[in-house]
Protein backbone atom coordinates (compact mmCIF):
# COMPACT_ATOMS: atom_id res chain seq x y z
CA UNK A 1 -12.24 -13.24 -2.54
CA UNK A 2 -9.16 -15.02 -1.27
CA UNK A 3 -9.54 -18.67 -0.34
CA UNK A 4 -8.80 -19.74 3.22
CA UNK A 5 -6.23 -22.20 1.87
CA UNK A 6 -4.41 -19.37 0.09
CA UNK A 7 -4.35 -17.21 3.20
CA UNK A 8 -3.31 -20.10 5.44
CA UNK A 9 -0.40 -21.05 3.20
CA UNK A 10 0.65 -17.42 2.86
CA UNK A 11 0.56 -16.87 6.63
CA UNK A 12 2.77 -19.93 7.16
CA UNK A 13 5.33 -18.80 4.57
CA UNK A 14 5.16 -15.20 5.76
CA UNK A 15 6.12 -16.03 9.33
CA UNK A 16 8.98 -18.22 8.14
CA UNK A 17 10.31 -15.53 5.78
CA UNK A 18 10.01 -12.47 8.06
CA UNK A 19 12.11 -12.81 11.21
CA UNK A 20 10.32 -10.19 13.28
CA UNK A 21 6.65 -10.07 12.25
CA UNK A 22 5.81 -7.81 15.21
CA UNK A 23 7.46 -4.90 13.42
CA UNK A 24 4.46 -4.77 11.08
CA UNK A 25 2.42 -3.11 13.85
CA UNK A 26 -0.38 -5.63 13.49
CA UNK A 27 -3.17 -5.33 16.00
CA UNK A 28 -6.32 -7.35 16.74
CA UNK A 29 -8.38 -4.18 17.03
CA UNK A 30 -11.15 -3.39 14.49
CA UNK A 31 -10.40 -2.04 11.04
CA UNK A 32 -11.00 1.54 12.17
CA UNK A 33 -8.24 1.20 14.74
CA UNK A 34 -5.93 -0.33 12.13
CA UNK A 35 -6.40 2.82 10.09
CA UNK A 36 -5.90 5.17 13.00
CA UNK A 37 -2.98 3.35 14.62
CA UNK A 38 -0.05 3.71 14.37
CA UNK A 39 -0.09 6.19 11.51
CA UNK A 40 -2.99 8.36 12.58
CA UNK A 41 -4.68 9.63 15.69
CA UNK A 42 -8.43 9.87 16.22
CA UNK A 43 -8.02 13.60 16.63
CA UNK A 44 -6.30 13.74 13.28
CA UNK A 45 -9.06 11.73 11.64
CA UNK A 46 -11.62 14.25 12.84
CA UNK A 47 -9.47 17.21 11.88
CA UNK A 48 -7.80 16.47 8.51
CA UNK A 49 -5.27 19.24 8.95
CA UNK A 50 -3.98 17.54 12.06
CA UNK A 51 -3.45 14.12 10.46
CA UNK A 52 0.08 12.88 10.77
CA UNK A 53 1.78 10.05 8.92
CA UNK A 54 4.15 7.55 10.45
CA UNK A 55 7.64 6.64 9.39
CA UNK A 56 10.02 3.75 10.01
CA UNK A 57 13.70 3.31 9.44
CA UNK A 58 15.99 5.84 7.80
CA UNK A 59 13.40 8.08 6.12
CA UNK A 60 11.90 10.19 8.96
CA UNK A 61 11.22 13.07 6.58
CA UNK A 62 9.15 11.20 4.01
CA UNK A 63 5.82 12.84 4.81
CA UNK A 64 5.62 16.09 2.85
CA UNK A 65 8.55 15.11 0.63
CA UNK A 66 8.50 14.62 -3.12
CA UNK A 67 7.68 11.00 -3.92
CA UNK A 68 10.61 9.24 -5.62
CA UNK A 69 9.76 8.44 -9.22
CA UNK A 70 10.54 5.08 -10.76
CA UNK A 71 9.94 2.95 -13.81
CA UNK A 72 9.30 -0.76 -13.34
CA UNK A 73 9.05 -3.22 -16.23
CA UNK A 74 8.06 -6.87 -16.00
CA UNK A 75 6.98 -9.40 -18.61
CA UNK A 76 3.49 -7.90 -18.77
CA UNK A 77 3.80 -4.12 -18.55
CA UNK A 78 5.94 -1.08 -17.87
CA UNK A 79 4.83 1.35 -15.18
CA UNK A 80 6.23 4.85 -14.77
CA UNK A 81 5.05 6.57 -11.58
CA UNK A 82 5.58 10.01 -13.15
CA UNK A 83 2.80 9.24 -15.64
CA UNK A 84 0.26 9.58 -12.81
CA UNK A 85 1.19 13.06 -11.69
CA UNK A 86 -2.01 15.05 -11.45
CA UNK A 87 -3.82 12.14 -9.79
CA UNK A 88 -3.92 10.85 -6.23
CA UNK A 89 -1.90 7.63 -6.05
CA UNK A 90 -2.17 4.84 -3.49
CA UNK A 91 1.22 3.13 -3.86
CA UNK A 92 1.22 -0.30 -2.25
CA UNK A 93 4.34 -2.46 -1.83
CA UNK A 94 3.51 -6.14 -1.34
CA UNK A 95 4.58 -9.75 -1.93
CA UNK A 96 2.63 -12.92 -2.67
CA UNK A 97 4.11 -14.67 0.41
CA UNK A 98 3.00 -11.88 2.76
CA UNK A 99 -0.26 -12.84 4.50
CA UNK A 100 -1.13 -9.30 5.69
CA UNK A 101 -0.65 -8.09 2.11
CA UNK A 102 -3.11 -10.64 0.80
CA UNK A 103 -5.61 -9.84 3.54
CA UNK A 104 -5.80 -6.18 2.49
CA UNK A 105 -5.96 -6.85 -1.26
CA UNK A 106 -9.78 -7.19 -1.44
CA UNK A 107 -10.23 -3.75 0.11
CA UNK A 108 -7.64 -2.24 -2.25
CA UNK A 109 -9.54 -3.70 -5.20
CA UNK A 110 -12.82 -2.37 -3.83
CA UNK A 111 -11.25 1.06 -3.29
CA UNK A 112 -10.18 1.18 -6.93
CA UNK A 113 -13.69 0.25 -8.06
CA UNK A 114 -15.32 2.88 -5.85
CA UNK A 115 -12.78 5.61 -6.67
CA UNK A 116 -11.72 5.11 -10.32
CA UNK A 117 -10.04 8.53 -10.42
CA UNK A 118 -7.56 7.40 -7.75
CA UNK A 119 -4.65 5.31 -9.03
CA UNK A 120 -4.05 2.20 -6.92
CA UNK A 121 -0.62 0.86 -7.90
CA UNK A 122 0.51 -2.40 -6.32
CA UNK A 123 4.22 -3.17 -6.70
CA UNK A 124 5.42 -6.65 -5.78
CA UNK A 125 9.01 -7.00 -4.57
CA UNK A 126 11.23 -9.61 -2.91
CA UNK A 127 8.97 -12.18 -4.53
CA UNK A 128 9.16 -15.21 -6.77
CA UNK A 129 8.09 -14.18 -10.29
CA UNK A 130 6.13 -17.37 -10.90
CA UNK A 131 4.37 -17.12 -7.54
CA UNK A 132 3.50 -13.51 -8.37
CA UNK A 133 2.02 -14.44 -11.76
CA UNK A 134 0.08 -17.36 -10.31
CA UNK A 135 -1.39 -15.25 -7.53
CA UNK A 136 -2.50 -12.49 -9.92
CA UNK A 137 -4.11 -15.02 -12.28
CA UNK A 138 -5.75 -17.28 -9.70
CA UNK A 139 -7.27 -14.43 -7.70
CA UNK A 140 -8.30 -12.26 -10.67
CA UNK A 141 -6.56 -9.19 -9.27
CA UNK A 142 -8.29 -6.24 -10.91
CA UNK A 143 -5.62 -3.67 -10.10
CA UNK A 144 -2.62 -2.05 -11.73
CA UNK A 145 0.13 -4.40 -10.55
CA UNK A 146 3.76 -4.80 -11.55
CA UNK A 147 6.62 -7.05 -10.43
CA UNK A 148 9.87 -5.29 -9.52
CA UNK A 149 12.64 -7.87 -9.76
CA UNK A 150 15.28 -5.21 -9.08
CA UNK A 151 13.61 -3.91 -5.89
CA UNK A 152 14.70 -0.40 -6.83
CA UNK A 153 11.23 1.07 -6.46
CA UNK A 154 10.63 -0.07 -2.88
CA UNK A 155 14.19 0.77 -1.82
CA UNK A 156 13.71 4.31 -3.14
CA UNK A 157 11.05 4.64 -0.43
CA UNK A 158 13.06 2.83 2.22
CA UNK A 159 10.60 -0.08 2.20
CA UNK A 160 12.07 -3.51 2.85
CA UNK A 161 9.20 -5.30 4.60
CA UNK A 162 5.72 -5.48 3.09
CA UNK A 163 3.08 -4.31 3.28
CA UNK A 164 3.73 -0.59 3.22
CA UNK A 165 1.55 1.92 1.42
CA UNK A 166 2.07 5.56 0.50
CA UNK A 167 -0.59 8.09 -0.41
CA UNK A 168 0.79 10.54 -2.95
CA UNK A 169 -1.10 13.70 -3.83
CA UNK A 170 -1.72 15.20 -7.27
CA UNK A 171 1.48 17.21 -7.04
CA UNK A 172 3.62 14.15 -6.37
CA UNK A 173 4.01 14.77 -2.63
CA UNK A 174 3.88 11.95 -0.07
CA UNK A 175 1.00 12.75 2.30
CA UNK A 176 0.57 9.56 4.32
CA UNK A 177 2.42 6.32 4.98
CA UNK A 178 0.78 3.12 6.21
CA UNK A 179 2.87 0.40 7.84
CA UNK A 180 1.05 -2.92 7.82
CA UNK A 181 -2.37 -3.79 6.38
CA UNK A 182 -5.34 -1.42 6.35
CA UNK A 183 -9.02 -1.53 5.49
CA UNK A 184 -9.00 0.64 2.39
CA UNK A 185 -12.79 0.82 2.26
CA UNK A 186 -13.12 2.35 5.72
CA UNK A 187 -15.13 5.61 5.72
CA UNK A 188 -12.15 7.49 7.17
CA UNK A 189 -9.76 6.50 4.39
CA UNK A 190 -12.31 7.07 1.63
CA UNK A 191 -13.23 10.49 3.04
CA UNK A 192 -9.56 11.43 3.30
CA UNK A 193 -8.84 10.46 -0.31
CA UNK A 194 -11.88 12.39 -1.54
CA UNK A 195 -10.74 15.51 0.30
CA UNK A 196 -7.23 15.05 -1.05
CA UNK A 197 -8.62 14.91 -4.57
CA UNK A 198 -10.58 18.10 -4.03
CA UNK A 199 -8.06 20.20 -2.14
CA UNK A 200 -4.75 18.90 -3.46
CA UNK A 201 -3.18 18.44 0.00
CA UNK A 202 -4.50 17.99 3.53
């Protein structure tokens, strides 16, 4: 679990670093609403075929498009997204200074534990390498994480402000995009990922 001191310091730095925090679509509503808004509608959650993703910026056609592949290497590991074709991937772009990113990390970790056949890949960008390493070590992050010093991976998706998360199906197609933090252990998200694993695309 994240300490209150860690979250408090991250929130302070986050609001200094990001000029317009309101663009993250944060809302004080419960976790279910954070999942459903702005990327999903309640109707879509009840009818998987009607679910729609949301987009921001210059990539309005991302949903249903082939996910850009990338290879990221840091001092610890090399990650090639193409290696995970055939599996459902939850691709999360984050930074250690981003408070909403840190708030959703525990649920991402829990999701990976509950669904080991889903690949949760957390890519840090626009970050300080030492702060990244310290955060991973101090909080015992039990996830596949990598630090992208070049920022090529996030820019390939048009992501410049964390957190943003993409759900990629087994065929390498982007099926959903989340802007801002989400509760990744919510029944709606877990049910969606399970159906995606079974059917290939929904």
